[in-house]
Amino acid sequence: MSCPVCLQQAVLPVETNCGHLFCGSCIIAYWRYGTWFGAISCPICRQMVTLLFPLFREQVSPQQVQDGTAEPLLVLRDLSDYNRRFSGQPRSLMDRLRDVPTLLRHLFREMFSVGGLFWMFRIRVLLCLIGALTYLISPLDFIPEALFGLLGFLDDFFIILLLFIYISIMYREVVTQRLAG
């Protein structure tokens, strides 16, 4: 992992949305030296950089941070400042397609972390709620209310009851894992 800007080993490595690696301080300096008010173009492929992914943690050992380089917290602050400013800019369809491999790689890496598992839990609950609402709104029922009256209503009630049972089971798993860990 060498930085193409300083031609050294990448210190506090950062990945752009196009998948290229740079030192955190190098890409921040490149941004501040060039177009301060706009998103930068990648120094390698010239694609507009709208997201910068830090590939380091806040707690970096002193051996990894060389003399004269930026502190990890300062680089993280600058990266979040850059992402906040430029991640919502309008982009072409081709730029979005070029971003897919990098974004999916980071998404899957984050989903299978401890914080990501909690987000997966929330997504599962949301999908269950959407599925139940779709079933209730849909005119296609296993037992339609128009033909069977109360029995059709009980069918819908049973679906909602199963949804709440499933959500409580998922939450119980989260609580037991939190208490066990």
Protein backbone atom coordinates (compact mmCIF):
# COMPACT_ATOMS: atom_id res chain seq x y z
CA MET A 1 0.00 0.00 0.00
CA SER A 2 2.04 2.90 -1.23
CA CYS A 3 0.71 6.41 -1.64
CA PRO A 4 0.97 7.71 -5.22
CA VAL A 5 1.24 11.31 -3.98
CA CYS A 6 4.25 11.01 -1.66
CA LEU A 7 5.53 7.69 -3.10
CA GLN A 8 5.98 6.29 0.43
CA GLN A 9 4.22 3.63 2.45
CA ALA A 10 0.66 4.88 3.07
CA VAL A 11 0.42 6.34 6.57
CA LEU A 12 -3.13 6.56 7.93
CA PRO A 13 -4.41 5.09 4.64
CA VAL A 14 -7.55 6.45 3.02
CA GLU A 15 -9.48 4.90 0.12
CA THR A 16 -11.39 7.01 -2.38
CA ASN A 17 -14.76 6.06 -3.82
CA CYS A 18 -12.94 4.98 -6.99
CA GLY A 19 -10.83 2.51 -4.99
CA HIS A 20 -7.40 4.21 -4.89
CA LEU A 21 -5.32 4.41 -1.71
CA PHE A 22 -3.55 7.50 -0.37
CA CYS A 23 -2.05 8.74 2.88
CA GLY A 24 -4.70 10.58 4.86
CA SER A 25 -2.57 13.69 5.17
CA CYS A 26 -1.59 13.58 1.46
CA ILE A 27 -5.16 13.49 0.15
CA ILE A 28 -6.25 16.20 2.61
CA ALA A 29 -3.30 18.38 1.53
CA TYR A 30 -4.17 17.72 -2.13
CA TRP A 31 -7.75 18.84 -1.43
CA ARG A 32 -6.70 21.97 0.43
CA TYR A 33 -4.06 22.92 -2.13
CA GLY A 34 -6.39 22.54 -5.11
CA THR A 35 -10.11 23.13 -5.17
CA TRP A 36 -10.96 23.98 -1.57
CA PHE A 37 -14.58 24.80 -2.43
CA GLY A 38 -15.24 21.79 -4.65
CA ALA A 39 -14.69 18.06 -4.65
CA ILE A 40 -11.29 16.93 -5.88
CA SER A 41 -10.58 14.67 -8.81
CA CYS A 42 -8.68 11.48 -8.06
CA PRO A 43 -4.98 12.05 -8.81
CA ILE A 44 -4.83 8.65 -10.56
CA CYS A 45 -8.03 8.22 -12.58
CA ARG A 46 -9.42 11.81 -12.51
CA GLN A 47 -12.85 10.62 -11.30
CA MET A 48 -14.60 13.03 -8.92
CA VAL A 49 -13.93 11.96 -5.32
CA THR A 50 -17.11 12.24 -3.27
CA LEU A 51 -16.29 9.82 -0.44
CA LEU A 52 -13.11 9.14 1.49
CA PHE A 53 -12.98 5.93 3.54
CA PRO A 54 -10.48 5.79 6.41
CA LEU A 55 -8.71 2.43 6.54
CA PHE A 56 -7.31 3.05 10.02
CA ARG A 57 -8.69 3.40 13.50
CA GLU A 58 -8.49 6.26 15.95
CA GLN A 59 -6.06 4.27 18.07
CA VAL A 60 -2.99 3.93 15.85
CA SER A 61 0.28 2.72 17.33
CA PRO A 62 3.18 5.22 17.36
CA GLN A 63 5.16 2.99 14.97
CA GLN A 64 2.49 3.46 12.29
CA VAL A 65 2.49 7.24 12.55
CA GLN A 66 5.82 8.68 11.42
CA ASP A 67 7.38 11.91 12.61
CA GLY A 68 5.83 14.97 11.06
CA THR A 69 2.61 13.31 9.95
CA ALA A 70 -0.88 14.26 11.04
CA GLU A 71 -2.57 12.80 14.06
CA PRO A 72 -5.27 10.19 13.38
CA LEU A 73 -8.01 12.26 15.05
CA LEU A 74 -7.19 15.32 12.93
CA VAL A 75 -7.21 13.26 9.73
CA LEU A 76 -10.54 11.67 10.71
CA ARG A 77 -11.99 15.12 11.41
CA ASP A 78 -10.83 16.40 8.01
CA LEU A 79 -12.18 13.28 6.27
CA SER A 80 -15.59 13.66 7.88
CA ASP A 81 -15.56 17.35 6.92
CA TYR A 82 -14.79 16.44 3.30
CA ASN A 83 -17.43 13.69 3.21
CA ARG A 84 -20.05 15.97 4.74
CA ARG A 85 -19.38 18.66 2.14
CA PHE A 86 -19.14 16.62 -1.04
CA SER A 87 -20.89 13.26 -0.63
CA GLY A 88 -24.25 14.69 -1.73
CA GLN A 89 -23.12 16.28 -4.99
CA PRO A 90 -24.98 15.34 -8.18
CA ARG A 91 -23.12 12.70 -10.19
CA SER A 92 -23.48 10.90 -13.47
CA LEU A 93 -24.72 7.33 -13.79
CA MET A 94 -21.27 6.14 -14.91
CA ASP A 95 -19.66 7.64 -11.80
CA ARG A 96 -22.19 5.85 -9.64
CA LEU A 97 -21.52 2.56 -11.45
CA ARG A 98 -17.77 2.97 -10.98
CA ASP A 99 -18.33 3.44 -7.24
CA VAL A 100 -20.31 0.20 -6.78
CA PRO A 101 -17.38 -2.22 -6.16
CA THR A 102 -15.73 0.01 -3.55
CA LEU A 103 -18.99 0.88 -1.80
CA LEU A 104 -20.16 -2.74 -1.65
CA ARG A 105 -16.79 -3.87 -0.27
CA HIS A 106 -17.01 -1.29 2.53
CA LEU A 107 -20.70 -2.04 3.14
CA PHE A 108 -20.06 -5.76 3.64
CA ARG A 109 -17.02 -5.07 5.82
CA GLU A 110 -19.10 -2.77 8.01
CA MET A 111 -22.15 -5.04 8.10
CA PHE A 112 -20.14 -7.87 9.61
CA SER A 113 -18.67 -5.76 12.39
CA VAL A 114 -20.25 -5.41 15.82
CA GLY A 115 -21.98 -2.12 14.96
CA GLY A 116 -23.03 -3.51 11.59
CA LEU A 117 -24.82 -6.44 13.18
CA PHE A 118 -27.05 -4.01 15.05
CA TRP A 119 -27.84 -2.21 11.78
CA MET A 120 -28.66 -5.58 10.18
CA PHE A 121 -31.09 -6.16 13.04
CA ARG A 122 -32.79 -2.82 12.36
CA ILE A 123 -32.98 -3.58 8.64
CA ARG A 124 -34.56 -6.98 9.36
CA VAL A 125 -37.21 -5.34 11.57
CA LEU A 126 -37.89 -2.69 8.93
CA LEU A 127 -38.25 -5.32 6.19
CA CYS A 128 -40.65 -7.32 8.37
CA LEU A 129 -42.77 -4.23 8.96
CA ILE A 130 -42.80 -3.40 5.25
CA GLY A 131 -43.74 -7.00 4.43
CA ALA A 132 -46.58 -7.01 6.95
CA LEU A 133 -47.93 -3.66 5.75
CA THR A 134 -47.73 -4.83 2.15
CA TYR A 135 -49.69 -7.96 3.07
CA LEU A 136 -52.33 -5.91 4.90
CA ILE A 137 -52.72 -3.40 2.07
CA SER A 138 -52.64 -5.99 -0.69
CA PRO A 139 -56.00 -7.21 -1.97
CA LEU A 140 -54.53 -10.72 -2.27
CA ASP A 141 -55.05 -12.52 1.05
CA PHE A 142 -54.85 -16.15 2.01
CA ILE A 143 -58.31 -15.76 3.51
CA PRO A 144 -60.00 -12.63 2.04
CA GLU A 145 -62.12 -10.46 4.33
CA ALA A 146 -64.78 -9.95 1.65
CA LEU A 147 -65.63 -13.65 1.54
CA PHE A 148 -65.03 -14.75 5.09
CA GLY A 149 -65.60 -11.58 7.16
CA LEU A 150 -64.22 -12.05 10.67
CA LEU A 151 -62.10 -15.04 9.68
CA GLY A 152 -60.35 -12.92 7.03
CA PHE A 153 -59.70 -10.21 9.61
CA LEU A 154 -58.26 -12.81 11.99
CA ASP A 155 -55.89 -13.87 9.21
CA ASP A 156 -54.51 -10.32 9.00
CA PHE A 157 -54.36 -10.09 12.80
CA PHE A 158 -52.44 -13.38 12.90
CA ILE A 159 -49.85 -12.01 10.43
CA ILE A 160 -49.31 -8.93 12.63
CA LEU A 161 -49.06 -11.13 15.73
CA LEU A 162 -46.41 -13.28 14.04
CA LEU A 163 -44.52 -10.13 13.08
CA PHE A 164 -44.44 -8.91 16.68
CA ILE A 165 -43.34 -12.35 17.89
CA TYR A 166 -40.53 -12.40 15.33
CA ILE A 167 -39.38 -8.89 16.32
CA SER A 168 -39.37 -9.85 20.00
CA ILE A 169 -37.32 -12.97 19.22
CA MET A 170 -34.79 -10.87 17.30
CA TYR A 171 -34.58 -8.36 20.13
CA ARG A 172 -34.13 -11.14 22.67
CA GLU A 173 -31.16 -12.42 20.64
CA VAL A 174 -29.62 -8.93 20.63
CA VAL A 175 -30.08 -8.53 24.39
CA THR A 176 -28.64 -11.96 25.21
CA GLN A 177 -25.64 -11.34 22.96
CA ARG A 178 -25.09 -7.95 24.59
CA LEU A 179 -25.27 -9.46 28.10
CA ALA A 180 -23.06 -12.43 27.17
CA GLY A 181 -20.40 -10.24 25.54
